[in-house]
Structure formats: structure tokens, C-alpha cells
């Protein structure tokens, strides 16, 4: 009996990986450049299954199963939002217009990578008849799998321990190598424990001698320091008109709802994302605390506030009680939103607030004003394609400058605080494509927070910079100090600006969304998804 006749009918001679070599070459290359987190075990199992020399219908069934497994594997290795993240935000995603979904899909394509992939495929089909490509693919995989183990064996034993004092940790110098996941996790737990005990100081009461002034909180969606740099707008003249600028302010999240919740709960230290949506703590609520000091609350937006229950969540979790005044007004429409809702002209909303404020008999008001004109996917009315970020950002900054000029002329005493919610992710990185914010990297969450005191003369011509790592606790503390020293009680301010911003509490850069956390530990950026291990964030 011949050798071929002795072979079981279900098997065929070993022929290597065949065209599957292309899949693994692309996958390993993406992993080598940091675009994927390679799953060694799953890839080993897939390679083993594909190397099994099956015949006939078993071969076809195996390939069909392999296609499904490879697609699932590639998705799980990517940094794309997980299925659980999409399910958790299904109502928000369902609100996206079809046009916006198509734009996201189109913009996600990286044509440079596609070009390199096409070139690699052409080379593979040219050489496959002369070279055993499977040997090199498997060898590449083995080296990739063994290298981390070998490096770990050669590295000296780690001696770092997670410091109990997170403030000390932030000022430490960057370590020579990456910290292990356990060390970073212990540091993160210590950070949350430390933040639970922190409080901002606000006066318990105001006297008749205290000079009244208004507080305007201008919350802007999608504007980070990195967005300004990427759009060449970081030198816009409006920035020079402010009195205080926070250089390293962390909004602590990549989404609007939790960002404004953190702002309105800024009288306490930074909670985790889950705790942010837990039970209300009135001692943490900025508007509630200001209400006890005689401040009347106002709310205006350039949108209805209905998407993803935005306005209702502020009422349920941050003590917001004032009616949405802009809902009863008919402002000119500036954009159509990513959910096909009209977005009002921001300058018109600002001017209407100023006119009503001048006529108001309330000596002290605190207004939350929320703008989403920079949100991804907004388009001009009767236009199909989304408006690019840069012209929209320039328009907003120009409008803000005009408003500031008009407010200055009015002579009204107003403390204007500009607090962006998060960035627009104008330029992506290896982990996330542009426009994605599911992982709140520090490029996305470091935002330009600005303060201007209107109705005061003799202040410094140039802004005072707060250079330390700060967040909402520092901003609330600044409001408290402004009230506590009766800052508007003297021409030029009751105390020098340098003294007003002195010793504001610092907060280590830690950012969270529902499914991901990002933090800076000793000069390096780490992240994790779905409660997994902490990994270095590679831009």
C-alpha cells in the first residue's frame, strides 16, 4: 500500500498558512508599531488550527470558523470601544445621525496603512512561490512571544512601592523603565482614597460689606490644549485678555456629561467615574454651596440639553435647579448637530445673557452656560458634510472675544470662568483614531481653563499662569478665595493676583470614562480598559 493510500481521508499534506500569512503579517506589524495589543495565546491557537492539514468540507468549515475568530481577535486586540462600552452607551450611539455614522466610518480609514498593506500583499504574491513565507511568519510570532518573557528575566527585580501620598508621587522623576501593573493599580487606589477626604474652602456666609459680583461658568465642549496646537489657534488674541490661565488643568474625562458633573461637584476631591454617578453629596455641589451665599442660579445652553439626558443628569447628580432659560428663546441657528438637533449661535446666547443680566435686580448670580458648537459632527445648515474643527473653533474664540469687549464696556462686575469639558481629539495617536474619545488620554483631557475679572481696573496686563497639575478642586477653591477676600472690594483687587492663585490645590492627572482609566505616574502615561491591567499609553 502506498504512503498516500495510508493517509487518513480527512488530512492532506502540510501546506503552511497559505494566504493567512497576510493576516498575521499585517497583525504583527500593527502590534509592533503599537496599534494593537497582541494576544499571544489566541494567536497561537489560531495558527495551530490553521496549520492542521484538513481536506474537503472540514477544510472549508475550518476556514469559515477561522475568519470569524480572526475578526473577533483583531477587534479585541484593537483599542476600539468594546462591545460592553457600546452597549453601555447604546442610547447615546442611537442618537447619532446616519450621516455622522458614515463620516466616522470613512474617517476611521487610514489610507497610508491601506497603501502599505497593498504593497505588502503584492510582495507576498510575488515571492510565495519561491519562499516558505509560513516559516518566517511563525518565526516572527515566536520571537514576538518570547521577547517580553526574556526581557522580564533580564530586568532587575522591581523595588518601587506605591506611595501612600499621591501628591509626592506626582512630583517624582520619571523612572527608567515602565512600572508594573500592580504598582500603578496600588497608586490609583491610593489616589482615590486621598481624594475622598479633600474639600474646597468656601465662605460660610457673606456680609453686607462684601461687594457683589456675578459668576459665569462657560462650559465648552471639545476644546483641549492639544486641539488648539493642532489647529494653530493656541496664539489666538482672546487668550491674552484673561487674567488667569491654568496651564495643566485636567477635565478628568473624555465626555460631556461627566465633565460638567465634575465641574458642578468640584467642591470635593476627584471621585471615580462610578462614584460620580452614585449618591449626591450636597457639600460637594458648587451651585448648592453658592446658593447658601445668596447666589441666584441661571442656566443657558446653545442646545436643548436632551441628548443622552444631559440636562436631567445635572439636575439628578449635581443639584442644578434653575430652568433652562434658552429653551424659551428663539436664537439664530448656527449649526446642525451630529444628532440633527439645531445649535444656536453662541454670540447671540452670550449677548442675551448680558442684556438680561444688566436689567437684573439680583446682586449675585451664578450662571452655567453650556456650548456644544465644537462637538464633532456639527455641520452648517443645509450642508451635508460636517464642518471642520478649525473654522468652528476660530469662530467661537472670535465670538468670545467680541462678548468680552461688550461685557467690559457694560461695567458689570463678572467673574468669567471658561471651562472646556474635554478635547475634540483633532489628531489621533497609535491607540485611538482622530475623533475617538473612549479612552480619555491626557491629550484629550488637558484643557485651557481661563478666568477674567470684569469691572475691575488696574489688574496685570498679562495673564497669571497656574502651572501645576490642577482640576476642579483648584477652580472651586479659587472661587472660594475670591469670595473670601472680597476681591471686588478694592480697585485692582483686594489682593494681588499672584496671591489669589497661590497654593491652589493640585490634583494628579487621572481621567476616567465608563470603561477606561488613564493616569500619569512619575512622568509616564498609563491606561487600562474594562478593569484589565495597566499598560503604557503610547502616543
Protein backbone atom coordinates (compact mmCIF):
# COMPACT_ATOMS: atom_id res chain seq x y z
CA UNK A 1 0.00 0.00 0.00
CA UNK A 2 1.44 3.39 -0.96
CA UNK A 3 2.12 6.21 1.52
CA UNK A 4 -0.69 8.28 0.06
CA UNK A 5 -3.19 5.45 0.47
CA UNK A 6 -2.23 5.11 4.16
CA UNK A 7 -3.09 8.78 4.79
CA UNK A 8 -6.48 9.36 6.54
CA UNK A 9 -9.04 10.81 4.14
CA UNK A 10 -9.61 13.91 6.22
CA UNK A 11 -5.96 15.03 6.09
CA UNK A 12 -3.84 16.48 3.29
CA UNK A 13 -0.12 17.22 3.03
CA UNK A 14 1.08 20.17 5.14
CA UNK A 15 0.95 23.35 3.05
CA UNK A 16 1.65 26.04 5.66
CA UNK A 17 -0.54 29.05 6.38
CA UNK A 18 -1.11 29.97 2.76
CA UNK A 19 -2.87 33.30 2.29
CA UNK A 20 -3.36 33.52 6.06
CA UNK A 21 0.24 34.66 6.16
CA UNK A 22 -1.02 38.06 5.04
CA UNK A 23 -3.38 38.36 8.02
CA UNK A 24 -0.65 37.54 10.50
CA UNK A 25 1.95 39.75 8.81
CA UNK A 26 -0.44 42.72 8.97
CA UNK A 27 -1.45 41.91 12.54
CA UNK A 28 2.12 41.51 13.82
CA UNK A 29 3.22 44.70 12.05
CA UNK A 30 0.38 46.71 13.62
CA UNK A 31 1.26 45.28 17.02
CA UNK A 32 4.95 46.12 16.55
CA UNK A 33 4.04 49.77 15.93
CA UNK A 34 1.68 49.92 18.91
CA UNK A 35 -1.64 49.92 17.05
CA UNK A 36 -2.71 46.57 18.54
CA UNK A 37 -2.20 44.73 21.81
CA UNK A 38 -1.25 41.27 20.56
CA UNK A 39 -2.95 38.32 22.28
CA UNK A 40 -0.23 35.66 22.23
CA UNK A 41 -2.35 32.70 23.34
CA UNK A 42 -5.25 33.32 20.96
CA UNK A 43 -2.90 33.87 18.03
CA UNK A 44 -1.04 30.66 18.87
CA UNK A 45 -4.31 28.71 18.92
CA UNK A 46 -5.43 30.26 15.62
CA UNK A 47 -2.10 29.44 13.95
CA UNK A 48 -2.23 25.87 15.25
CA UNK A 49 -5.77 25.42 13.91
CA UNK A 50 -4.81 26.79 10.50
CA UNK A 51 -1.73 24.56 10.25
CA UNK A 52 -3.83 21.42 10.70
CA UNK A 53 -3.90 19.87 7.13
CA UNK A 54 -7.63 19.15 6.70
CA UNK A 55 -9.37 18.11 3.49
CA UNK A 56 -12.67 18.82 1.78
CA UNK A 57 -15.62 20.13 3.75
CA UNK A 58 -13.64 20.13 7.01
CA UNK A 59 -11.13 22.48 5.40
CA UNK A 60 -13.94 24.84 4.32
CA UNK A 61 -15.61 24.78 7.73
CA UNK A 62 -12.29 25.37 9.45
CA UNK A 63 -11.58 28.42 7.28
CA UNK A 64 -15.05 29.86 7.90
CA UNK A 65 -14.59 29.47 11.64
CA UNK A 66 -11.10 30.94 11.36
CA UNK A 67 -12.45 34.03 9.56
CA UNK A 68 -14.91 34.67 12.39
CA UNK A 69 -12.27 34.02 15.05
CA UNK A 70 -9.72 36.27 13.31
CA UNK A 71 -12.22 39.14 13.06
CA UNK A 72 -13.14 38.82 16.73
CA UNK A 73 -9.48 38.52 17.71
CA UNK A 74 -8.47 41.60 15.74
CA UNK A 75 -11.29 43.63 17.29
CA UNK A 76 -10.38 42.51 20.80
CA UNK A 77 -6.72 43.41 20.21
CA UNK A 78 -7.55 46.88 18.93
CA UNK A 79 -8.13 49.93 21.10
CA UNK A 80 -11.64 50.40 19.70
CA UNK A 81 -14.51 50.73 22.19
CA UNK A 82 -15.50 47.30 23.43
CA UNK A 83 -18.93 45.76 22.98
CA UNK A 84 -19.73 46.44 26.63
CA UNK A 85 -18.85 50.12 26.13
CA UNK A 86 -21.13 50.35 23.10
CA UNK A 87 -23.94 48.62 24.99
CA UNK A 88 -23.47 50.92 27.99
CA UNK A 89 -23.78 53.94 25.66
CA UNK A 90 -26.31 52.43 23.26
CA UNK A 91 -28.83 55.22 23.79
CA UNK A 92 -26.22 57.87 23.02
CA UNK A 93 -24.97 55.98 19.96
CA UNK A 94 -28.55 55.50 18.76
CA UNK A 95 -28.86 59.30 18.72
CA UNK A 96 -26.14 59.67 16.06
CA UNK A 97 -27.44 60.64 12.65
CA UNK A 98 -26.81 58.24 9.76
CA UNK A 99 -24.67 60.88 8.05
CA UNK A 100 -22.49 61.24 11.14
CA UNK A 101 -22.04 57.46 11.45
CA UNK A 102 -20.93 57.29 7.80
CA UNK A 103 -18.43 60.11 8.35
CA UNK A 104 -16.94 58.36 11.37
CA UNK A 105 -16.57 55.14 9.40
CA UNK A 106 -14.94 56.94 6.48
CA UNK A 107 -12.58 58.98 8.62
CA UNK A 108 -11.54 55.87 10.50
CA UNK A 109 -9.86 54.53 7.35
CA UNK A 110 -6.10 55.09 7.37
CA UNK A 111 -5.20 55.23 3.69
CA UNK A 112 -1.49 55.27 4.43
CA UNK A 113 -1.81 51.93 6.21
CA UNK A 114 -4.02 50.60 3.41
CA UNK A 115 -1.32 51.57 0.90
CA UNK A 116 1.40 49.78 2.86
CA UNK A 117 -0.88 46.77 3.22
CA UNK A 118 -1.50 46.64 -0.52
CA UNK A 119 2.25 46.82 -1.16
CA UNK A 120 2.93 44.02 1.33
CA UNK A 121 0.24 41.88 -0.31
CA UNK A 122 1.77 42.44 -3.75
CA UNK A 123 5.20 41.41 -2.47
CA UNK A 124 3.75 38.32 -0.81
CA UNK A 125 2.08 37.08 -4.01
CA UNK A 126 5.33 37.68 -5.94
CA UNK A 127 7.57 35.70 -3.58
CA UNK A 128 5.27 32.98 -2.22
CA UNK A 129 6.26 30.53 -4.97
CA UNK A 130 9.95 30.89 -4.09
CA UNK A 131 9.97 31.46 -0.32
CA UNK A 132 8.39 29.47 2.53
CA UNK A 133 6.65 32.53 3.96
CA UNK A 134 4.97 30.49 6.70
CA UNK A 135 8.37 29.73 8.23
CA UNK A 136 9.18 33.43 8.60
CA UNK A 137 5.67 34.26 9.86
CA UNK A 138 5.84 31.61 12.58
CA UNK A 139 9.41 32.58 13.47
CA UNK A 140 8.32 36.24 13.79
CA UNK A 141 5.47 35.17 16.07
CA UNK A 142 7.75 33.05 18.26
CA UNK A 143 10.25 35.91 18.66
CA UNK A 144 7.39 38.32 19.47
CA UNK A 145 6.00 35.91 22.08
CA UNK A 146 9.34 35.16 23.72
CA UNK A 147 10.80 38.71 23.79
CA UNK A 148 8.71 40.11 26.73
CA UNK A 149 9.46 36.99 28.79
CA UNK A 150 13.18 37.25 28.01
CA UNK A 151 13.28 40.97 28.84
CA UNK A 152 11.48 40.32 32.13
CA UNK A 153 14.05 37.66 33.02
CA UNK A 154 16.93 40.03 32.29
CA UNK A 155 15.45 43.05 34.10
CA UNK A 156 16.38 43.62 37.77
CA UNK A 157 13.68 42.98 40.32
CA UNK A 158 11.39 45.98 40.85
CA UNK A 159 11.81 47.72 44.19
CA UNK A 160 9.26 50.50 43.76
CA UNK A 161 6.28 50.57 46.04
CA UNK A 162 3.15 52.58 45.54
CA UNK A 163 3.43 55.74 47.65
CA UNK A 164 0.65 56.49 50.08
CA UNK A 165 0.98 60.22 49.41
CA UNK A 166 -0.20 60.77 45.83
CA UNK A 167 0.97 64.39 45.84
CA UNK A 168 4.54 63.22 46.40
CA UNK A 169 4.15 60.67 43.63
CA UNK A 170 3.27 63.34 41.08
CA UNK A 171 6.43 65.29 41.71
CA UNK A 172 8.75 62.30 41.41
CA UNK A 173 11.09 61.96 38.47
CA UNK A 174 10.27 59.53 35.69
CA UNK A 175 11.56 56.00 36.32
CA UNK A 176 13.98 54.38 33.94
CA UNK A 177 11.52 51.68 33.00
CA UNK A 178 7.78 51.24 32.97
CA UNK A 179 6.14 50.48 36.31
CA UNK A 180 4.37 47.14 36.65
CA UNK A 181 0.58 46.97 36.59
CA UNK A 182 0.32 46.15 40.30
CA UNK A 183 2.31 49.24 41.31
CA UNK A 184 0.19 51.53 39.14
CA UNK A 185 -3.03 49.95 40.42
CA UNK A 186 -1.98 50.49 44.04
CA UNK A 187 -1.14 54.11 43.23
CA UNK A 188 -4.55 54.59 41.60
CA UNK A 189 -6.32 53.17 44.67
CA UNK A 190 -4.26 55.48 46.91
CA UNK A 191 -5.20 58.44 44.70
CA UNK A 192 -8.95 57.77 45.04
CA UNK A 193 -8.63 57.28 48.79
CA UNK A 194 -6.71 60.54 49.15
CA UNK A 195 -9.20 62.49 47.01
CA UNK A 196 -12.20 61.37 49.08
CA UNK A 197 -11.01 63.47 52.01
CA UNK A 198 -10.31 66.69 50.11
CA UNK A 199 -12.59 69.74 50.28
CA UNK A 200 -12.53 73.23 48.84
CA UNK A 201 -12.92 76.12 51.25
CA UNK A 202 -15.84 78.46 50.58
CA UNK A 203 -17.12 81.14 52.96
CA UNK A 204 -19.95 80.15 55.29
CA UNK A 205 -21.60 83.50 54.73
CA UNK A 206 -21.22 86.96 53.19
CA UNK A 207 -21.66 90.32 54.89
CA UNK A 208 -23.29 93.49 53.60
CA UNK A 209 -19.80 94.93 53.18
CA UNK A 210 -18.86 92.30 50.60
CA UNK A 211 -19.03 93.74 47.09
CA UNK A 212 -21.39 91.60 45.00
CA UNK A 213 -20.40 90.19 41.61
CA UNK A 214 -21.74 87.62 39.16
CA UNK A 215 -20.11 84.28 38.31
CA UNK A 216 -20.41 83.00 34.74
CA UNK A 217 -19.29 79.40 34.15
CA UNK A 218 -18.83 78.93 30.42
CA UNK A 219 -18.64 75.19 29.78
CA UNK A 220 -17.38 74.45 26.25
CA UNK A 221 -17.50 71.03 24.64
CA UNK A 222 -14.48 69.75 22.66
CA UNK A 223 -11.58 72.15 23.19
CA UNK A 224 -8.24 70.94 24.56
CA UNK A 225 -4.76 72.42 24.59
CA UNK A 226 -3.74 69.83 22.02
CA UNK A 227 -6.66 70.76 19.75
CA UNK A 228 -5.57 74.40 19.85
CA UNK A 229 -1.99 73.48 18.99
CA UNK A 230 -3.06 71.12 16.18
CA UNK A 231 -5.29 73.85 14.70
CA UNK A 232 -2.72 76.67 15.12
CA UNK A 233 -5.15 78.56 17.35
CA UNK A 234 -3.15 78.48 20.58
CA UNK A 235 -2.00 82.06 19.96
CA UNK A 236 -5.49 83.49 19.39
CA UNK A 237 -5.63 87.04 20.84
CA UNK A 238 -8.56 86.20 23.13
CA UNK A 239 -6.26 84.24 25.44
CA UNK A 240 -4.19 87.32 26.28
CA UNK A 241 -7.29 89.09 27.60
CA UNK A 242 -7.80 86.76 30.55
CA UNK A 243 -6.34 87.39 33.99
CA UNK A 244 -5.63 83.77 34.98
CA UNK A 245 -4.81 80.70 32.89
CA UNK A 246 -4.50 77.14 34.17
CA UNK A 247 -1.81 75.53 32.01
CA UNK A 248 -2.29 71.91 33.13
CA UNK A 249 -5.96 71.64 34.05
CA UNK A 250 -7.32 68.11 33.77
CA UNK A 251 -11.02 67.80 32.94
CA UNK A 252 -10.75 64.16 34.09
CA UNK A 253 -12.98 62.68 31.38
CA UNK A 254 -13.49 62.49 27.62
CA UNK A 255 -17.26 63.01 27.62
CA UNK A 256 -19.53 65.99 28.27
CA UNK A 257 -21.95 64.65 30.86
CA UNK A 258 -19.37 63.53 33.42
CA UNK A 259 -17.24 66.63 32.73
CA UNK A 260 -19.98 69.06 33.75
CA UNK A 261 -20.93 66.82 36.67
CA UNK A 262 -17.33 67.02 37.87
CA UNK A 263 -17.38 70.81 37.48
CA UNK A 264 -20.60 71.19 39.49
CA UNK A 265 -19.33 68.76 42.16
CA UNK A 266 -15.94 70.44 42.30
CA UNK A 267 -16.09 71.40 45.99
CA UNK A 268 -14.76 67.92 46.82
CA UNK A 269 -11.81 65.88 45.62
CA UNK A 270 -11.92 63.83 42.44
CA UNK A 271 -14.18 60.74 42.62
CA UNK A 272 -14.06 57.69 40.38
CA UNK A 273 -16.42 57.59 37.41
CA UNK A 274 -18.75 55.18 39.20
CA UNK A 275 -18.81 57.26 42.39
CA UNK A 276 -19.60 60.35 40.33
CA UNK A 277 -22.94 58.74 39.45
CA UNK A 278 -23.56 57.46 42.97
CA UNK A 279 -25.40 59.22 45.77
CA UNK A 280 -25.45 63.02 45.78
CA UNK A 281 -23.24 64.85 48.25
CA UNK A 282 -24.59 68.37 48.69
CA UNK A 283 -21.38 69.50 50.38
CA UNK A 284 -19.61 68.90 47.05
CA UNK A 285 -22.10 70.80 44.88
CA UNK A 286 -20.78 74.19 43.79
CA UNK A 287 -24.17 75.67 42.91
CA UNK A 288 -25.72 74.43 46.14
CA UNK A 289 -22.90 75.97 48.17
CA UNK A 290 -23.14 79.27 46.29
CA UNK A 291 -26.90 79.24 46.75
CA UNK A 292 -26.42 79.36 50.53
CA UNK A 293 -24.37 82.54 49.99
CA UNK A 294 -27.23 84.29 48.20
CA UNK A 295 -26.35 83.46 44.59
CA UNK A 296 -29.29 83.04 42.22
CA UNK A 297 -28.81 80.23 39.73
CA UNK A 298 -29.24 80.56 35.96
CA UNK A 299 -28.81 78.05 33.11
CA UNK A 300 -28.43 78.69 29.39
CA UNK A 301 -27.28 76.43 26.53
CA UNK A 302 -26.90 76.58 22.79
CA UNK A 303 -28.76 73.23 22.54
CA UNK A 304 -31.86 71.63 24.10
CA UNK A 305 -29.86 69.56 26.60
CA UNK A 306 -31.88 66.44 25.85
CA UNK A 307 -29.25 64.24 24.16
CA UNK A 308 -28.12 61.44 26.49
CA UNK A 309 -30.29 63.05 29.25
CA UNK A 310 -27.56 65.70 29.66
CA UNK A 311 -29.61 68.34 31.49
CA UNK A 312 -31.54 65.84 33.57
CA UNK A 313 -28.32 64.21 34.83
CA UNK A 314 -27.12 67.62 36.05
CA UNK A 315 -30.35 68.00 38.00
CA UNK A 316 -30.19 64.48 39.44
CA UNK A 317 -26.48 64.34 40.30
CA UNK A 318 -25.29 67.94 40.77
CA UNK A 319 -28.14 69.89 42.34
CA UNK A 320 -28.94 72.02 39.29
CA UNK A 321 -32.41 73.51 39.84
CA UNK A 322 -32.80 76.59 37.62
CA UNK A 323 -34.97 76.33 34.48
CA UNK A 324 -33.25 76.27 31.09
CA UNK A 325 -33.84 79.88 30.05
CA UNK A 326 -32.63 79.40 26.49
CA UNK A 327 -35.37 76.81 25.86
CA UNK A 328 -37.95 79.63 25.72
CA UNK A 329 -35.91 81.80 23.37
CA UNK A 330 -35.58 81.63 19.59
CA UNK A 331 -31.91 82.22 18.78
CA UNK A 332 -30.44 82.13 15.27
CA UNK A 333 -29.33 78.60 14.30
CA UNK A 334 -25.58 78.34 13.76
CA UNK A 335 -25.10 74.60 13.19
CA UNK A 336 -27.00 71.36 12.94
CA UNK A 337 -25.70 68.86 15.46
CA UNK A 338 -24.40 65.35 14.95
CA UNK A 339 -27.87 64.19 16.12
CA UNK A 340 -29.63 66.60 13.68
CA UNK A 341 -30.66 68.95 16.53
CA UNK A 342 -30.26 72.72 15.91
CA UNK A 343 -27.41 74.51 17.71
CA UNK A 344 -27.90 78.20 18.46
CA UNK A 345 -25.47 80.97 17.61
CA UNK A 346 -23.22 81.26 20.66
CA UNK A 347 -22.66 85.00 20.44
CA UNK A 348 -26.43 85.57 20.42
CA UNK A 349 -26.81 83.48 23.58
CA UNK A 350 -23.97 85.38 25.28
CA UNK A 351 -25.40 88.75 24.32
CA UNK A 352 -28.88 87.80 25.53
CA UNK A 353 -27.43 86.77 28.90
CA UNK A 354 -25.59 90.10 29.14
CA UNK A 355 -28.69 92.17 28.31
CA UNK A 356 -30.85 90.34 30.85
CA UNK A 357 -28.06 90.46 33.43
CA UNK A 358 -27.76 94.24 33.18
CA UNK A 359 -31.52 94.57 33.78
CA UNK A 360 -31.47 92.06 36.62
CA UNK A 361 -32.10 93.23 40.17
CA UNK A 362 -30.27 90.22 41.62
CA UNK A 363 -26.94 91.43 43.05
CA UNK A 364 -25.36 87.98 42.83
CA UNK A 365 -25.98 85.35 40.17
CA UNK A 366 -24.14 82.19 39.13
CA UNK A 367 -24.82 81.07 35.58
CA UNK A 368 -23.96 77.77 33.95
CA UNK A 369 -23.72 78.27 30.19
CA UNK A 370 -23.03 75.20 28.06
CA UNK A 371 -21.92 75.31 24.41
CA UNK A 372 -21.57 72.32 22.06
CA UNK A 373 -20.79 74.17 18.82
CA UNK A 374 -17.38 72.47 18.66
CA UNK A 375 -18.75 68.95 19.10
CA UNK A 376 -17.65 66.51 16.44
CA UNK A 377 -20.08 66.08 13.55
CA UNK A 378 -21.72 69.52 13.62
CA UNK A 379 -22.45 70.98 10.21
CA UNK A 380 -23.73 74.20 8.73
CA UNK A 381 -27.48 74.29 7.98
CA UNK A 382 -28.35 72.80 4.59
CA UNK A 383 -24.84 71.29 4.32
CA UNK A 384 -24.26 67.55 4.15
CA UNK A 385 -20.65 67.32 5.31
CA UNK A 386 -19.53 68.16 8.85
CA UNK A 387 -17.81 71.50 9.31
CA UNK A 388 -14.07 71.11 10.08
CA UNK A 389 -12.95 71.82 13.63
CA UNK A 390 -10.63 74.76 12.97
CA UNK A 391 -13.12 77.24 11.44
CA UNK A 392 -15.67 76.40 14.14
CA UNK A 393 -13.08 76.86 16.90
CA UNK A 394 -11.90 80.17 15.42
CA UNK A 395 -15.49 81.38 15.18
CA UNK A 396 -16.12 80.52 18.83
CA UNK A 397 -12.95 82.25 20.01
CA UNK A 398 -13.79 85.31 17.90
CA UNK A 399 -17.29 85.38 19.38
CA UNK A 400 -15.88 85.06 22.89
CA UNK A 401 -13.55 88.00 22.24
CA UNK A 402 -16.44 90.16 20.98
CA UNK A 403 -18.53 89.25 24.01
CA UNK A 404 -15.67 90.13 26.37
CA UNK A 405 -15.29 93.54 24.73
CA UNK A 406 -19.00 94.27 25.10
CA UNK A 407 -19.11 92.98 28.68
CA UNK A 408 -16.16 95.17 29.59
CA UNK A 409 -17.96 98.23 28.27
CA UNK A 410 -21.03 97.45 30.38
CA UNK A 411 -19.06 97.89 33.61
CA UNK A 412 -20.83 94.89 35.21
CA UNK A 413 -18.79 93.03 37.84
CA UNK A 414 -18.47 89.49 36.48
CA UNK A 415 -16.08 86.66 37.17
CA UNK A 416 -15.98 84.80 33.83
CA UNK A 417 -14.64 81.24 34.01
CA UNK A 418 -14.12 79.30 30.77
CA UNK A 419 -14.02 75.56 31.47
CA UNK A 420 -13.81 73.23 28.44
CA UNK A 421 -15.27 69.78 29.07
CA UNK A 422 -12.73 67.77 27.07
CA UNK A 423 -10.91 67.87 23.74
CA UNK A 424 -12.13 67.04 20.25
CA UNK A 425 -9.24 64.60 19.58
CA UNK A 426 -8.38 66.55 16.43
CA UNK A 427 -5.29 64.43 15.92
CA UNK A 428 -5.28 60.81 16.95
CA UNK A 429 -2.44 58.56 18.03
CA UNK A 430 -1.49 54.88 17.95
CA UNK A 431 -4.15 53.97 20.47
CA UNK A 432 -7.10 55.94 19.10
CA UNK A 433 -8.02 57.32 15.72
CA UNK A 434 -8.87 61.03 15.45
CA UNK A 435 -12.30 61.97 16.88
CA UNK A 436 -12.47 58.96 19.22
CA UNK A 437 -12.54 59.67 22.98
CA UNK A 438 -13.47 56.35 24.55
CA UNK A 439 -10.03 56.25 26.20
CA UNK A 440 -9.59 59.69 27.86
CA UNK A 441 -5.91 60.27 27.17
CA UNK A 442 -4.29 63.32 28.73
CA UNK A 443 -4.10 65.00 25.34
CA UNK A 444 -7.88 64.90 25.32
CA UNK A 445 -8.45 65.91 28.95
CA UNK A 446 -5.87 68.70 29.39
CA UNK A 447 -7.96 71.78 28.65
CA UNK A 448 -7.40 75.59 28.71
CA UNK A 449 -9.23 76.91 31.79
CA UNK A 450 -9.36 80.72 31.88
CA UNK A 451 -10.57 83.36 34.35
CA UNK A 452 -11.38 87.03 33.74
CA UNK A 453 -12.49 89.64 36.31
CA UNK A 454 -14.71 92.24 34.65
CA UNK A 455 -15.47 95.51 36.41
CA UNK A 456 -12.02 95.82 37.97
CA UNK A 457 -9.34 98.21 36.82
CA UNK A 458 -5.62 98.05 37.49
CA UNK A 459 -5.17 94.29 37.01
CA UNK A 460 -1.97 93.00 35.33
CA UNK A 461 -1.95 93.29 31.55
CA UNK A 462 -0.67 89.73 31.07
CA UNK A 463 -2.36 86.58 32.39
CA UNK A 464 -1.07 84.94 35.55
CA UNK A 465 -0.29 81.28 34.81
CA UNK A 466 -1.11 78.41 37.17
CA UNK A 467 1.50 75.88 36.06
CA UNK A 468 0.84 72.94 38.40
CA UNK A 469 -1.39 69.95 37.71
CA UNK A 470 -4.88 71.08 38.72
CA UNK A 471 -8.52 70.14 38.33
CA UNK A 472 -11.95 71.22 39.58
CA UNK A 473 -10.95 71.38 43.24
CA UNK A 474 -8.49 74.18 42.41
CA UNK A 475 -11.12 76.07 40.43
CA UNK A 476 -13.69 75.85 43.23
CA UNK A 477 -11.02 76.92 45.72
CA UNK A 478 -10.26 79.96 43.54
CA UNK A 479 -13.94 80.93 43.60
CA UNK A 480 -13.94 80.49 47.37
CA UNK A 481 -10.84 82.65 47.80
CA UNK A 482 -12.30 85.35 45.54
CA UNK A 483 -15.37 85.49 47.76
CA UNK A 484 -13.44 85.11 51.00
CA UNK A 485 -11.09 88.06 50.45
CA UNK A 486 -13.88 90.25 48.99
CA UNK A 487 -11.79 90.54 45.84
CA UNK A 488 -14.04 93.17 44.26
CA UNK A 489 -13.85 95.30 47.42
CA UNK A 490 -10.84 97.34 46.25
CA UNK A 491 -9.70 98.84 42.97
CA UNK A 492 -7.23 96.47 41.35
CA UNK A 493 -8.45 93.61 43.55
CA UNK A 494 -8.30 93.09 47.31
CA UNK A 495 -5.07 91.09 46.96
CA UNK A 496 -2.54 90.71 44.13
CA UNK A 497 -3.49 88.09 41.55
CA UNK A 498 -0.36 86.13 42.42
CA UNK A 499 -1.62 85.78 45.98
CA UNK A 500 -5.10 84.82 44.82
CA UNK A 501 -3.78 81.80 42.89
CA UNK A 502 -1.09 80.90 45.43
CA UNK A 503 -1.31 77.43 46.97
CA UNK A 504 -4.30 76.29 44.93
CA UNK A 505 -4.69 72.52 45.47
CA UNK A 506 -3.01 70.34 42.89
CA UNK A 507 -4.51 67.13 41.54
CA UNK A 508 -2.62 64.36 39.81
CA UNK A 509 -3.73 63.82 36.20
CA UNK A 510 -6.22 60.93 36.36
CA UNK A 511 -9.02 60.65 33.79
CA UNK A 512 -11.90 58.21 33.51
CA UNK A 513 -14.77 57.20 31.30
CA UNK A 514 -17.14 54.36 31.97
CA UNK A 515 -14.86 51.67 30.52
CA UNK A 516 -11.34 53.14 30.67
CA UNK A 517 -8.97 54.97 33.01
CA UNK A 518 -5.84 56.97 32.19
CA UNK A 519 -3.32 58.37 34.65
CA UNK A 520 0.13 59.90 34.81
CA UNK A 521 2.52 58.09 37.11
CA UNK A 522 6.02 59.52 37.51
CA UNK A 523 6.03 61.21 34.13
CA UNK A 524 4.56 58.32 32.19
CA UNK A 525 1.02 57.85 30.94
CA UNK A 526 -0.75 54.56 31.72
CA UNK A 527 -4.20 53.30 30.82
CA UNK A 528 -6.44 50.31 31.27
CA UNK A 529 -9.74 49.17 29.80
CA UNK A 530 -12.59 47.25 31.42
CA UNK A 531 -10.66 46.77 34.66
CA UNK A 532 -7.74 45.00 32.94
CA UNK A 533 -4.04 45.50 33.52
CA UNK A 534 -2.43 48.94 33.33
CA UNK A 535 -0.33 49.50 30.20
CA UNK A 536 1.85 52.30 28.89
CA UNK A 537 -0.04 54.73 26.67
CA UNK A 538 2.00 55.20 23.50
CA UNK A 539 1.13 58.30 21.52
